[in-house]
Protein backbone atom coordinates (compact mmCIF):
# COMPACT_ATOMS: atom_id res chain seq x y z
CA MET A 1 14.17 13.34 -57.32
CA SER A 2 16.21 10.81 -55.79
CA PHE A 3 14.33 7.84 -53.72
CA LYS A 4 14.74 9.88 -50.19
CA GLU A 5 12.96 12.47 -51.64
CA LEU A 6 10.50 11.23 -53.21
CA ASP A 7 9.29 8.94 -49.51
CA LYS A 8 9.86 12.16 -48.07
CA CYS A 9 6.87 13.73 -50.36
CA LEU A 10 4.89 10.82 -50.30
CA ASN A 11 5.32 10.73 -45.85
CA GLU A 12 4.16 14.87 -46.12
CA TYR A 13 1.55 13.81 -48.68
CA LEU A 14 -0.05 10.79 -46.22
CA ARG A 15 0.18 13.33 -43.05
CA SER A 16 -1.69 16.18 -44.98
CA LEU A 17 -4.26 13.52 -46.45
CA LYS A 18 -4.44 12.16 -42.37
CA ALA A 19 -5.04 15.55 -41.15
CA LEU A 20 -7.35 16.34 -43.88
CA ASN A 21 -9.60 13.54 -43.13
CA LYS A 22 -9.43 14.55 -39.32
CA VAL A 23 -10.94 17.84 -40.15
CA GLU A 24 -13.62 16.40 -42.11
CA LYS A 25 -14.41 13.72 -39.25
CA ARG A 26 -14.66 16.73 -37.26
CA ALA A 27 -16.84 19.03 -39.40
CA ARG A 28 -18.94 15.76 -40.00
CA ALA A 29 -19.57 15.29 -35.96
CA LEU A 30 -20.41 19.31 -35.64
CA HIS A 31 -23.06 19.03 -38.03
CA ALA A 32 -24.43 16.19 -36.98
CA ARG A 33 -24.59 17.87 -33.26
CA LYS A 34 -25.93 20.88 -34.71
CA GLN A 35 -28.86 18.97 -36.02
CA ARG A 36 -29.27 17.34 -33.03
CA ILE A 37 -29.90 20.00 -30.77
CA GLU A 38 -31.81 21.70 -33.61
CA ALA A 39 -34.51 19.00 -33.20
CA LEU A 40 -34.01 19.05 -29.24
CA THR A 41 -34.83 22.38 -29.18
CA GLN A 42 -37.95 22.15 -31.48
CA VAL A 43 -39.07 19.75 -29.34
CA ALA A 44 -39.07 21.65 -26.04
CA GLU A 45 -40.58 24.64 -28.18
CA GLN A 46 -43.36 22.36 -29.13
CA MET A 47 -43.98 21.18 -24.98
CA ARG A 48 -44.07 24.57 -23.84
CA GLN A 49 -46.59 25.86 -25.96
CA ARG A 50 -48.61 23.16 -24.53
CA GLY A 51 -47.94 24.10 -21.39
CA ALA A 52 -45.87 21.10 -19.84
CA SER A 53 -43.99 21.32 -16.95
CA GLU A 54 -39.84 21.76 -17.48
CA ARG A 55 -39.19 18.57 -15.23
CA SER A 56 -41.17 16.69 -18.45
CA ILE A 57 -39.69 18.39 -21.12
CA HIS A 58 -36.23 17.24 -19.75
CA ARG A 59 -37.47 13.15 -19.27
CA VAL A 60 -38.70 13.77 -23.12
CA LEU A 61 -35.62 15.34 -24.39
CA GLU A 62 -33.21 12.69 -22.68
CA THR A 63 -35.45 9.99 -23.75
CA PHE A 64 -35.70 11.39 -27.85
CA ASN A 65 -31.60 11.99 -27.11
CA ASP A 66 -31.62 8.15 -26.66
CA TYR A 67 -33.87 7.51 -29.72
CA LEU A 68 -31.84 9.31 -32.50
CA ASP A 69 -28.31 7.57 -31.04
CA LEU A 70 -30.68 4.54 -31.90
CA LEU A 71 -31.16 5.66 -35.15
CA LYS A 72 -27.47 5.83 -35.81
CA LYS A 73 -27.02 2.04 -35.53
CA PRO A 74 -27.65 -0.14 -38.74
CA VAL A 75 -31.23 -1.52 -38.98
CA LYS A 76 -31.21 -5.67 -38.43
CA PRO A 77 -32.65 -7.75 -41.10
CA ASP A 78 -36.46 -8.42 -40.46
CA ASN A 79 -36.37 -12.65 -40.38
CA SER A 80 -39.89 -12.53 -38.60
CA GLU A 81 -41.11 -15.64 -40.17
CA SER A 82 -37.67 -17.41 -39.75
CA THR A 83 -37.63 -16.73 -35.96
CA PRO A 84 -36.83 -19.94 -33.97
CA VAL A 85 -39.03 -20.87 -30.76
CA PRO A 86 -37.65 -19.42 -27.97
CA ASN A 87 -36.17 -21.55 -25.20
CA VAL A 88 -37.78 -21.98 -22.13
CA GLU A 89 -35.82 -23.48 -19.99
CA ALA A 90 -34.63 -22.56 -16.92
CA PRO A 91 -32.04 -19.71 -16.83
CA GLY A 92 -28.08 -20.74 -15.21
CA LEU A 93 -25.13 -22.61 -16.79
CA LEU A 94 -24.29 -25.99 -15.79
CA LEU A 95 -20.59 -26.10 -14.74
CA SER A 96 -19.89 -29.42 -16.77
CA GLU A 97 -20.81 -27.40 -19.26
CA VAL A 98 -17.93 -25.14 -18.96
CA GLU A 99 -14.80 -25.13 -20.72
CA THR A 100 -11.94 -25.40 -17.89
CA GLN A 101 -9.11 -22.44 -19.09
CA PRO A 102 -5.78 -21.34 -16.77
CA VAL A 103 -5.62 -17.28 -15.53
CA ALA A 104 -4.60 -15.56 -18.81
CA TRP A 105 -1.85 -12.67 -17.33
CA LEU A 106 -0.96 -9.42 -18.61
CA TRP A 107 1.68 -9.26 -15.72
CA GLU A 108 2.32 -13.04 -14.87
CA LYS A 109 0.85 -12.90 -10.60
CA ARG A 110 0.41 -9.13 -10.52
CA ILE A 111 -2.27 -7.89 -13.41
CA PRO A 112 -4.83 -10.76 -14.97
CA LEU A 113 -6.50 -10.16 -18.21
CA GLY A 114 -10.19 -10.19 -18.28
CA LYS A 115 -10.05 -9.08 -14.34
CA ILE A 116 -10.32 -6.20 -12.09
CA THR A 117 -6.59 -4.94 -10.42
CA VAL A 118 -6.72 -2.38 -7.59
CA LEU A 119 -3.12 -0.37 -7.10
CA ASP A 120 -2.95 1.65 -4.22
CA GLY A 121 -0.60 4.49 -2.85
CA ASP A 122 0.28 7.84 -1.23
CA PRO A 123 -0.07 10.61 -3.34
CA GLY A 124 4.10 11.14 -4.82
CA MET A 125 4.73 7.48 -4.83
CA GLY A 126 5.11 7.39 -8.67
CA LYS A 127 1.51 5.44 -9.36
CA SER A 128 0.80 7.23 -12.50
CA LEU A 129 3.60 6.45 -13.39
CA ILE A 130 3.49 2.71 -13.00
CA ALA A 131 0.73 2.91 -15.22
CA ALA A 132 2.47 5.00 -17.95
CA GLN A 133 5.27 1.97 -17.76
CA LEU A 134 2.65 -0.46 -18.03
CA ALA A 135 1.10 1.27 -21.19
CA ALA A 136 4.71 1.58 -22.69
CA CYS A 137 4.91 -2.19 -22.45
CA VAL A 138 1.39 -3.23 -23.48
CA SER A 139 1.94 -1.11 -26.54
CA THR A 140 5.43 -2.21 -28.10
CA GLY A 141 5.03 -5.47 -26.64
CA ARG A 142 8.40 -5.17 -24.49
CA PRO A 143 8.68 -7.31 -21.07
CA MET A 144 7.48 -6.54 -18.48
CA PRO A 145 9.31 -4.75 -15.27
CA ASP A 146 10.71 -8.01 -13.92
CA GLY A 147 11.57 -9.33 -17.20
CA THR A 148 8.18 -11.75 -17.85
CA PRO A 149 6.48 -12.14 -21.12
CA GLY A 150 3.97 -9.00 -22.12
CA LYS A 151 1.16 -9.15 -24.00
CA GLN A 152 0.72 -6.52 -27.48
CA GLY A 153 -1.98 -4.77 -27.64
CA GLY A 154 -4.04 -1.91 -27.75
CA VAL A 155 -4.61 0.60 -24.00
CA ILE A 156 -7.40 2.54 -23.16
CA LEU A 157 -6.51 5.77 -20.62
CA ILE A 158 -9.01 7.44 -18.80
CA ALA A 159 -6.83 9.56 -16.44
CA PRO A 160 -8.59 13.53 -16.14
CA GLU A 161 -6.75 14.97 -13.40
CA ASP A 162 -3.78 15.02 -15.58
CA SER A 163 -2.90 17.25 -19.38
CA ALA A 164 -2.38 15.40 -22.30
CA GLU A 165 -0.23 17.67 -23.92
CA ASP A 166 2.20 18.10 -21.28
CA THR A 167 1.86 14.79 -19.07
CA LEU A 168 0.35 12.22 -20.46
CA LYS A 169 2.13 11.82 -23.78
CA PRO A 170 5.80 12.90 -22.57
CA ARG A 171 5.31 10.22 -19.53
CA LEU A 172 4.74 7.52 -22.12
CA GLU A 173 7.26 8.15 -24.78
CA ALA A 174 9.63 9.06 -21.92
CA ALA A 175 8.85 5.68 -20.80
CA GLY A 176 9.37 4.33 -24.12
CA GLY A 177 5.54 3.49 -25.30
CA ASP A 178 3.80 3.90 -29.06
CA PRO A 179 1.87 6.93 -28.59
CA SER A 180 -0.39 5.66 -31.93
CA GLN A 181 -1.52 2.71 -29.97
CA VAL A 182 -2.88 4.39 -26.39
CA LEU A 183 -6.57 5.85 -27.12
CA LEU A 184 -7.20 8.98 -23.94
CA LEU A 185 -11.18 8.81 -22.89
CA ASN A 186 -11.34 11.14 -20.67
CA THR A 187 -14.60 12.84 -21.89
CA VAL A 188 -17.69 11.43 -23.94
CA GLU A 189 -20.82 13.58 -25.13
CA GLY A 190 -23.74 14.09 -23.39
CA LEU A 191 -27.04 15.95 -23.34
CA ASP A 192 -27.43 19.28 -21.66
CA VAL A 193 -30.61 19.40 -21.04
CA LYS A 194 -31.43 22.55 -19.04
CA ARG A 195 -29.29 24.15 -22.11
CA ILE A 196 -30.92 21.54 -24.86
CA GLU A 197 -26.86 21.56 -26.25
CA ILE A 198 -24.55 18.58 -26.58
CA ARG A 199 -21.62 18.92 -25.12
CA ASP A 200 -18.39 16.76 -24.47
CA ARG A 201 -18.58 15.29 -20.23
CA PRO A 202 -16.29 13.75 -18.08
CA PHE A 203 -16.32 10.48 -18.70
CA SER A 204 -18.33 8.22 -15.88
CA LEU A 205 -18.16 4.82 -15.31
CA SER A 206 -22.26 4.38 -13.75
CA HIS A 207 -23.29 5.92 -17.54
CA ASP A 208 -20.46 4.81 -20.20
CA LEU A 209 -19.73 1.55 -19.68
CA ASP A 210 -20.89 1.02 -23.51
CA THR A 211 -18.71 3.61 -24.45
CA LEU A 212 -15.69 2.27 -23.00
CA GLU A 213 -16.69 -1.45 -24.49
CA LYS A 214 -16.95 -0.18 -28.10
CA ALA A 215 -13.38 1.85 -27.36
CA ILE A 216 -11.76 -1.56 -26.30
CA LYS A 217 -12.89 -3.26 -29.48
CA ARG A 218 -11.66 -0.50 -31.45
CA MET A 219 -8.39 -0.56 -30.21
CA GLN A 220 -7.99 -4.33 -29.48
CA ALA A 221 -7.12 -3.41 -26.30
CA VAL A 222 -5.57 -5.33 -23.62
CA LEU A 223 -5.54 -2.94 -20.99
CA VAL A 224 -7.71 -0.49 -19.47
CA ILE A 225 -6.19 2.35 -16.88
CA LEU A 226 -8.59 4.70 -14.76
CA ASP A 227 -6.15 7.17 -12.79
CA PRO A 228 -7.95 7.62 -10.28
CA LEU A 229 -10.77 5.85 -9.33
CA THR A 230 -12.94 8.69 -7.65
CA ALA A 231 -12.80 11.25 -10.77
CA VAL A 232 -14.17 8.21 -12.62
CA LEU A 233 -17.03 6.68 -10.89
CA GLY A 234 -19.74 9.74 -11.34
CA HIS A 235 -20.93 12.49 -9.24
CA ARG A 236 -23.94 10.56 -8.03
CA ILE A 237 -21.78 7.48 -6.56
CA ASP A 238 -20.75 7.31 -2.75
CA SER A 239 -17.55 5.41 -2.76
CA SER A 240 -17.85 5.25 0.59
CA ARG A 241 -21.29 3.08 -0.04
CA ASP A 242 -20.42 -0.63 -0.61
CA GLN A 243 -24.26 -0.74 -2.43
CA ASP A 244 -23.15 1.94 -4.51
CA VAL A 245 -19.66 0.46 -5.36
CA ARG A 246 -20.93 -2.83 -5.96
CA GLU A 247 -23.28 -1.40 -8.94
CA VAL A 248 -20.25 0.23 -10.31
CA PHE A 249 -17.94 -2.61 -9.79
CA THR A 250 -20.42 -5.56 -11.06
CA PRO A 251 -20.92 -4.67 -14.50
CA LEU A 252 -17.39 -2.91 -14.97
CA ALA A 253 -15.92 -6.91 -13.82
CA GLN A 254 -18.23 -8.44 -16.51
CA LEU A 255 -17.24 -5.93 -19.11
CA ALA A 256 -13.86 -7.13 -18.54
CA GLU A 257 -14.67 -10.74 -18.32
CA ARG A 258 -16.53 -10.65 -22.05
CA THR A 259 -13.70 -8.05 -23.62
CA GLY A 260 -10.36 -10.37 -21.84
CA CYS A 261 -9.19 -6.65 -20.97
CA ALA A 262 -7.43 -6.27 -18.19
CA VAL A 263 -8.71 -3.31 -15.66
CA LEU A 264 -6.07 -1.24 -13.77
CA ILE A 265 -7.64 1.11 -11.16
CA ILE A 266 -5.14 3.31 -9.49
CA ARG A 267 -6.62 4.98 -5.86
CA HIS A 268 -5.01 6.85 -3.45
CA LEU A 269 -4.91 5.52 0.23
CA SER A 270 -7.08 6.89 3.20
CA ARG A 271 -6.20 8.35 6.54
CA SER A 272 -7.06 5.20 8.08
CA SER A 273 -4.19 3.99 10.95
CA ALA A 274 -5.42 0.23 9.98
CA GLY A 275 -2.55 -2.48 9.89
CA ASN A 276 -3.51 -4.16 7.12
CA PRO A 277 -2.60 -2.30 4.47
CA LEU A 278 -5.68 -4.47 2.61
CA TYR A 279 -8.29 -2.01 4.64
CA ARG A 280 -6.33 1.64 3.56
CA GLY A 281 -7.80 2.37 0.37
CA ALA A 282 -9.92 5.05 0.39
CA GLY A 283 -13.73 3.94 -0.19
CA SER A 284 -15.28 0.75 0.61
CA ILE A 285 -14.25 -1.95 1.29
CA GLY A 286 -16.39 -3.63 -2.18
CA ILE A 287 -13.78 -1.95 -4.22
CA ILE A 288 -10.59 -4.22 -3.38
CA ALA A 289 -13.50 -6.93 -2.89
CA ALA A 290 -14.37 -6.86 -6.06
CA ALA A 291 -10.65 -6.93 -7.42
CA ARG A 292 -9.08 -10.67 -8.22
CA ILE A 293 -5.38 -8.59 -7.13
CA GLY A 294 -4.48 -6.08 -5.07
CA LEU A 295 -1.33 -4.10 -5.22
CA ILE A 296 0.26 -1.20 -3.28
CA VAL A 297 3.16 1.26 -3.41
CA THR A 298 4.60 2.43 -0.62
CA ALA A 299 8.37 4.26 0.68
CA ASP A 300 11.35 2.00 0.91
CA PRO A 301 12.23 2.00 4.85
CA SER A 302 16.39 1.86 4.30
CA ASP A 303 16.18 4.31 1.41
CA GLU A 304 14.34 7.64 1.38
CA ASN A 305 14.56 7.92 -2.83
CA LYS A 306 13.62 4.18 -3.60
CA ARG A 307 10.27 3.16 -3.57
CA LEU A 308 8.30 -0.34 -2.79
CA LEU A 309 5.49 -2.03 -4.78
CA ALA A 310 4.04 -5.08 -3.38
CA THR A 311 0.85 -7.12 -3.47
CA THR A 312 -1.78 -7.07 -0.46
CA LYS A 313 -4.10 -9.01 -2.35
CA ASN A 314 -4.11 -12.14 -4.92
CA ASN A 315 -6.83 -14.38 -5.57
CA LEU A 316 -5.62 -16.18 -8.38
CA SER A 317 -2.21 -17.58 -7.63
CA LYS A 318 1.08 -17.50 -4.99
CA GLN A 319 2.21 -13.65 -4.38
CA ALA A 320 4.70 -11.83 -6.47
CA SER A 321 7.75 -10.62 -4.72
CA ASN A 322 7.94 -7.12 -4.10
CA LEU A 323 9.67 -4.90 -6.36
CA THR A 324 12.21 -1.55 -5.67
CA TYR A 325 11.70 0.91 -7.95
CA GLN A 326 12.74 4.53 -7.84
CA VAL A 327 11.88 8.25 -10.38
CA VAL A 328 13.89 9.50 -12.51
CA ASP A 329 14.74 11.88 -15.35
CA ASN A 330 15.55 11.75 -18.94
CA THR A 331 17.02 14.31 -20.64
CA LEU A 332 13.83 16.72 -21.24
CA GLY A 333 13.36 16.39 -17.42
CA VAL A 334 10.28 14.14 -17.47
CA PRO A 335 9.98 11.47 -15.31
CA TYR A 336 9.72 7.67 -15.70
CA ILE A 337 9.95 4.53 -13.89
CA GLN A 338 13.64 3.06 -13.11
CA TRP A 339 12.82 -1.04 -11.84
CA LEU A 340 15.69 -2.05 -9.46
CA GLU A 341 15.97 -5.28 -7.37
CA GLU A 342 13.20 -8.11 -5.69
CA ASN A 343 12.83 -7.96 -2.40
CA HIS A 344 10.66 -10.07 0.11
CA HIS A 345 9.93 -7.96 3.13
CA PRO A 346 6.51 -8.36 5.11
CA VAL A 347 4.10 -6.26 3.47
CA LYS A 348 2.57 -5.35 6.38
CA ALA A 349 6.50 -4.34 8.09
CA LEU A 350 6.97 -2.50 4.62
CA PHE A 351 3.35 -0.25 5.27
CA ASN A 352 4.50 0.67 8.44
CA HIS A 353 7.10 2.46 7.36
CA THR A 354 5.22 5.60 5.36
CA ASN A 355 5.19 7.68 8.63
CA LEU A 356 8.42 6.29 10.03
CA SER A 357 10.32 8.89 12.53
CA TYR A 358 14.25 10.01 12.22
CA GLU A 359 14.80 7.53 15.05
CA ARG A 360 13.77 4.38 13.46
CA GLN A 361 14.78 5.34 9.76
CA ALA A 362 18.90 5.86 11.16
CA ILE A 363 18.30 2.74 12.83
CA LEU A 364 17.31 1.29 9.90
CA LYS A 365 20.43 2.85 7.97
CA VAL A 366 22.68 1.86 10.07
CA LEU A 367 21.70 -1.61 10.80
CA LYS A 368 21.72 -1.96 7.17
CA ASP A 369 24.95 0.17 6.04
CA SER A 370 26.89 -2.52 8.84
CA SER A 371 29.03 -5.53 7.65
CA SER A 372 27.78 -7.54 10.84
CA PRO A 373 24.94 -7.31 13.53
CA LEU A 374 25.71 -4.76 16.46
CA ARG A 375 24.65 -4.43 19.53
CA PRO A 376 22.11 -1.67 20.93
CA GLY A 377 25.21 0.48 22.16
CA GLU A 378 27.27 0.14 18.76
CA VAL A 379 23.49 1.10 17.06
CA ALA A 380 23.49 4.22 19.56
CA ASN A 381 26.87 5.27 18.89
CA ARG A 382 26.70 5.08 15.62
CA THR A 383 23.00 7.32 15.26
CA GLU A 384 24.02 9.41 17.60
CA LEU A 385 21.03 8.94 19.85
CA ASN A 386 19.96 8.29 23.43
CA HIS A 387 20.94 5.00 24.29
CA THR A 388 17.90 3.97 26.05
CA ASN A 389 16.02 4.88 23.28
CA VAL A 390 17.68 2.45 21.21
CA ARG A 391 17.31 -0.02 23.41
CA LYS A 392 13.65 0.23 24.01
CA MET A 393 12.94 0.72 20.03
CA LEU A 394 15.24 -2.36 18.34
CA PRO A 395 12.75 -5.04 20.41
CA ARG A 396 10.24 -3.38 19.00
CA LEU A 397 11.09 -3.09 15.10
CA LEU A 398 12.66 -6.78 15.73
CA HIS A 399 8.65 -7.76 17.08
CA ALA A 400 7.37 -5.94 14.29
CA GLY A 401 9.59 -8.22 11.65
CA GLU A 402 11.40 -4.76 10.39
CA ILE A 403 15.01 -6.22 11.63
CA ALA A 404 16.21 -9.09 12.47
CA SER A 405 18.26 -10.59 15.20
CA PRO A 406 20.24 -13.53 14.64
CA ALA A 407 21.56 -13.85 17.92
CA ARG A 408 20.23 -12.27 21.59
CA GLY A 409 21.68 -9.05 21.66
CA LEU A 410 22.11 -8.54 18.35
CA TYR A 411 20.38 -7.12 15.48
CA THR A 412 20.74 -6.54 11.83
CA ALA A 413 18.46 -5.60 8.71
CA LEU A 414 16.49 -8.24 7.28
CA GLU A 415 17.90 -10.06 4.21
CA HIS A 416 21.27 -9.07 5.69
CA SER A 417 24.22 -10.81 4.16
CA SER A 418 25.22 -11.96 7.79
CA LEU A 419 22.16 -14.05 8.43
CA PRO A 420 21.98 -17.46 8.34
CA SER A 421 19.77 -18.77 5.61
CA ASN A 422 17.68 -20.64 7.84
CA LEU A 423 16.95 -18.03 9.58
CA HIS A 424 13.14 -17.33 9.01
CA GLU A 425 12.07 -14.61 11.55
CA ASN A 426 13.86 -14.64 14.78
CA ARG A 427 11.51 -13.00 17.37
CA ASP A 428 13.30 -14.24 20.63
CA VAL A 429 12.67 -11.32 22.63
CA PRO A 430 13.76 -11.30 26.41
CA THR A 431 11.24 -11.74 28.51
CA GLU A 432 10.46 -9.81 31.86
CA THR A 433 12.80 -11.64 34.94
CA ILE A 434 10.95 -12.36 38.13
CA VAL A 435 12.17 -11.66 41.45
CA THR A 436 10.43 -13.85 44.32
CA ASN A 437 10.51 -14.93 48.04
CA VAL A 438 12.10 -11.97 49.16
CA SER A 439 13.19 -12.74 53.13
CA THR A 440 16.20 -11.35 54.66
CA VAL A 441 18.46 -8.52 54.18
CA SER A 442 21.42 -8.43 56.47
CA ASN A 443 23.24 -5.33 58.55
CA ASP A 444 22.79 -2.01 57.52
CA GLU A 445 20.45 0.27 55.49
CA ILE A 446 19.52 0.58 52.44
CA MET A 447 18.76 4.62 51.85
CA HIS A 448 16.25 5.83 49.42
CA ASN A 449 14.39 9.20 48.32
CA GLU A 450 10.99 8.44 48.13
CA ASN A 451 10.42 10.24 44.71
CA ASN A 452 12.39 7.90 42.88
CA ALA A 453 11.78 5.44 40.74
CA VAL A 454 13.61 2.09 40.70
CA PRO A 455 14.22 0.44 37.19
CA MET A 456 16.89 -2.24 37.18
CA GLU A 457 19.36 -3.38 34.51
CA THR A 458 21.07 -6.39 36.51
CA SER A 459 23.39 -9.37 35.76
CA VAL A 460 22.81 -11.90 38.28
CA SER A 461 25.94 -13.66 38.81
CA SER A 462 27.31 -15.94 42.13
CA ASN A 463 28.58 -13.88 44.15
CA GLU A 464 27.58 -10.26 43.42
CA ILE A 465 25.85 -8.79 41.29
CA MET A 466 27.57 -6.55 39.21
CA HIS A 467 26.42 -4.25 36.89
CA ASN A 468 27.70 -4.72 32.82
CA GLU A 469 26.12 -3.12 29.50
CA ASN A 470 26.84 -5.89 27.58
CA LEU A 471 25.20 -8.56 30.23
CA ALA A 472 21.08 -9.88 29.79
CA VAL A 473 19.41 -10.71 33.11
CA PRO A 474 18.00 -14.06 33.26
CA SER A 475 14.30 -14.62 32.52
CA MET A 476 13.32 -16.26 35.81
CA THR A 477 15.39 -15.67 39.46
CA SER A 478 14.55 -16.38 42.80
CA VAL A 479 16.19 -14.28 45.23
CA SER A 480 16.52 -15.97 48.75
CA THR A 481 18.31 -15.43 51.77
CA VAL A 482 20.31 -12.56 51.34
CA PRO A 483 23.69 -12.19 53.32
CA SER A 484 26.41 -10.16 54.12
CA ASP A 485 28.66 -9.36 51.34
CA GLU A 486 28.48 -6.41 48.68
CA ILE A 487 26.59 -5.25 46.04
CA MET A 488 28.44 -2.35 44.53
CA HIS A 489 26.47 -0.20 42.78
CA ASN A 490 26.28 3.16 40.35
CA GLU A 491 24.14 5.77 41.03
CA THR A 492 23.18 6.07 37.43
CA PRO A 493 23.56 2.16 36.10
CA ALA A 494 22.99 1.35 32.75
CA ILE A 495 23.03 -2.07 32.34
CA SER A 496 20.72 -3.32 29.23
CA MET A 497 17.68 -5.93 28.73
CA GLU A 498 16.09 -6.76 25.67
CA THR A 499 12.69 -6.91 26.64
CA ASN A 500 9.81 -5.52 24.37
CA VAL A 501 8.24 -2.50 26.18
CA PRO A 502 10.05 -1.42 29.76
CA SER A 503 7.92 -0.36 32.38
CA MET A 504 8.82 1.18 36.13
CA THR A 505 8.89 -0.51 39.50
CA SER A 506 8.73 1.85 42.30
CA VAL A 507 9.82 1.07 45.66
CA SER A 508 10.06 3.80 47.88
CA ASN A 509 10.47 4.67 51.81
CA VAL A 510 12.16 1.62 52.55
CA SER A 511 15.00 2.35 55.73
CA ASN A 512 16.14 0.65 59.01
CA VAL A 513 16.17 -2.67 57.29
CA PRO A 514 17.26 -5.25 60.52
CA ASN A 515 19.03 -8.77 59.85
CA ASP A 516 15.85 -10.82 60.26
CA GLU A 517 13.29 -8.76 58.79
CA ILE A 518 11.97 -5.78 56.05
CA SER A 519 10.15 -3.42 57.66
CA GLN A 520 6.98 -2.68 55.51
CA LYS A 521 4.70 0.14 55.23
CA GLU A 522 1.08 -0.34 53.66
CA SER A 523 1.50 2.62 51.26
CA ASN A 524 4.68 0.97 49.63
CA ALA A 525 4.46 -2.58 49.76
CA VAL A 526 7.01 -4.66 48.14
CA PRO A 527 5.03 -7.37 46.27
CA THR A 528 6.32 -10.94 47.33
CA GLU A 529 6.18 -11.55 43.19
CA THR A 530 7.84 -8.54 41.36
CA TYR A 531 8.51 -8.75 37.66
CA ILE A 532 11.32 -6.51 36.58
CA PRO A 533 11.24 -5.75 32.97
CA SER A 534 13.22 -4.21 30.42
CA MET A 535 15.02 -1.40 31.88
CA THR A 536 15.30 -0.35 35.49
CA TYR A 537 17.12 2.27 37.44
CA VAL A 538 18.83 2.40 41.29
CA LEU A 539 18.70 5.98 41.90
CA ASN A 540 19.81 7.34 45.27
CA VAL A 541 21.32 4.15 47.12
CA SER A 542 23.91 4.29 49.37
CA SER A 543 25.61 1.95 52.29
CA VAL A 544 23.82 -1.14 50.53
CA ILE A 545 24.49 -4.32 52.18
CA PRO A 546 26.97 -7.20 50.94
CA ALA A 547 24.54 -9.92 49.30
CA GLN A 548 24.93 -13.50 47.57
CA VAL A 549 22.50 -14.32 45.12
CA GLN A 550 21.61 -18.21 45.04
CA PRO A 551 19.37 -19.38 42.17
CA VAL A 552 16.46 -21.42 42.82
CA SER A 553 15.58 -24.55 40.85
CA SER A 554 12.39 -24.37 39.54
């Protein structure tokens, strides 16, 4: 017999022995369960014969079952003679007696050891796949996704919503993990007092922290994954009540600190439209308050196939940069995470992209793909969107920090190669134009339709007001004497103005205006100080009097 054949036989023998031990262990557990059920049934029958109520029987059975659990534990030796005198000092601990230690990290700046981390995100963003990737890194001792050193150890996985056979194990293997270092703890043994049966029940944070701590010590685990939170809280815990949440999270945080194990909790987002992503997680604010680190996943605004992992809360260090990733399949069709580059987009701006309109997505894509900054007209032409809508949306995107503006009237994507290195965040949006002190209109008449609104996109020069698409209105213009000349006007001008939110200024019923006065009806008064914001159009104007505009110094 060759060495290879001998080695193969030994491996088969060891596998058979391991399987036999597993069957034996299962048989012993079933026998012990059967004996316990018989004892509990006997107690219940005796109580019924003596007229006890069902409620009393249930209470006694629960207490007796706990007593049987205690019998499994080894008996401590009797050292009553040498029992020390109890310490009668006041409770508490002086900070001077505490040994200072640095924060220990499982994943630097993202997942600390001995503390709770919450990962938020909508369904389909890859939260569970990220958890599988982290479990793979920990079980094999590989570096973390950003290349920082990892820590090898066991992993406790509690994921009752996914199948172990066709989902959890294949995903772990696709990510390159070691299944022998990952313990699945979806169920624990529990007593059904009504049927007097010992059966498996779902794991519950409100009841089974002792079981979790035993599993951590058994596996020498450094990471616990709870996916998702709502499936493991317990049916009596209301996740929206702060008091209920803290009753569970306070002992969980103590367990994490006691064992030095990182606890990663995966949570869905709520339907709230809160602007701060820190408040978007489902349930009470006490959940994110108990966590030392808050992470969130969201869609990449510039690529529908990519996702972003960002930090919403960090109480322990400087926040880490965002990571871009995408979900890909292996040769067997099992999905896993492919990590890409880092980025530094503002978290709030990223979160605003979760429900982007088609128009915004198109604008962002065009700005990113362009080799240089673009004017509003160029953006409209390349996206084939309405010019007016594009001119309205660009200042809003700039104000929200979703795009950048290297110069007035030019827009580009954040962190574009064309941006100067010292440009932090340009939000220099042109302000409203104030037209004041309108005194004399000469020689002709201004015909106007009463029902038309007058928005104006105006570029003011020294001798005439010409409508040019690429010029912006000065922020403060004072118009005084308007003598004879000519204001050339197109019936549908399109003069751009880079202003935040446009509005409409309505002027109607203006006719027969002589040289030295403006007749004005009370119902259509023209204010002496008129704000003409971003986009205004002059409609149905004929026989306009020549004018000369002279700026008045403030």
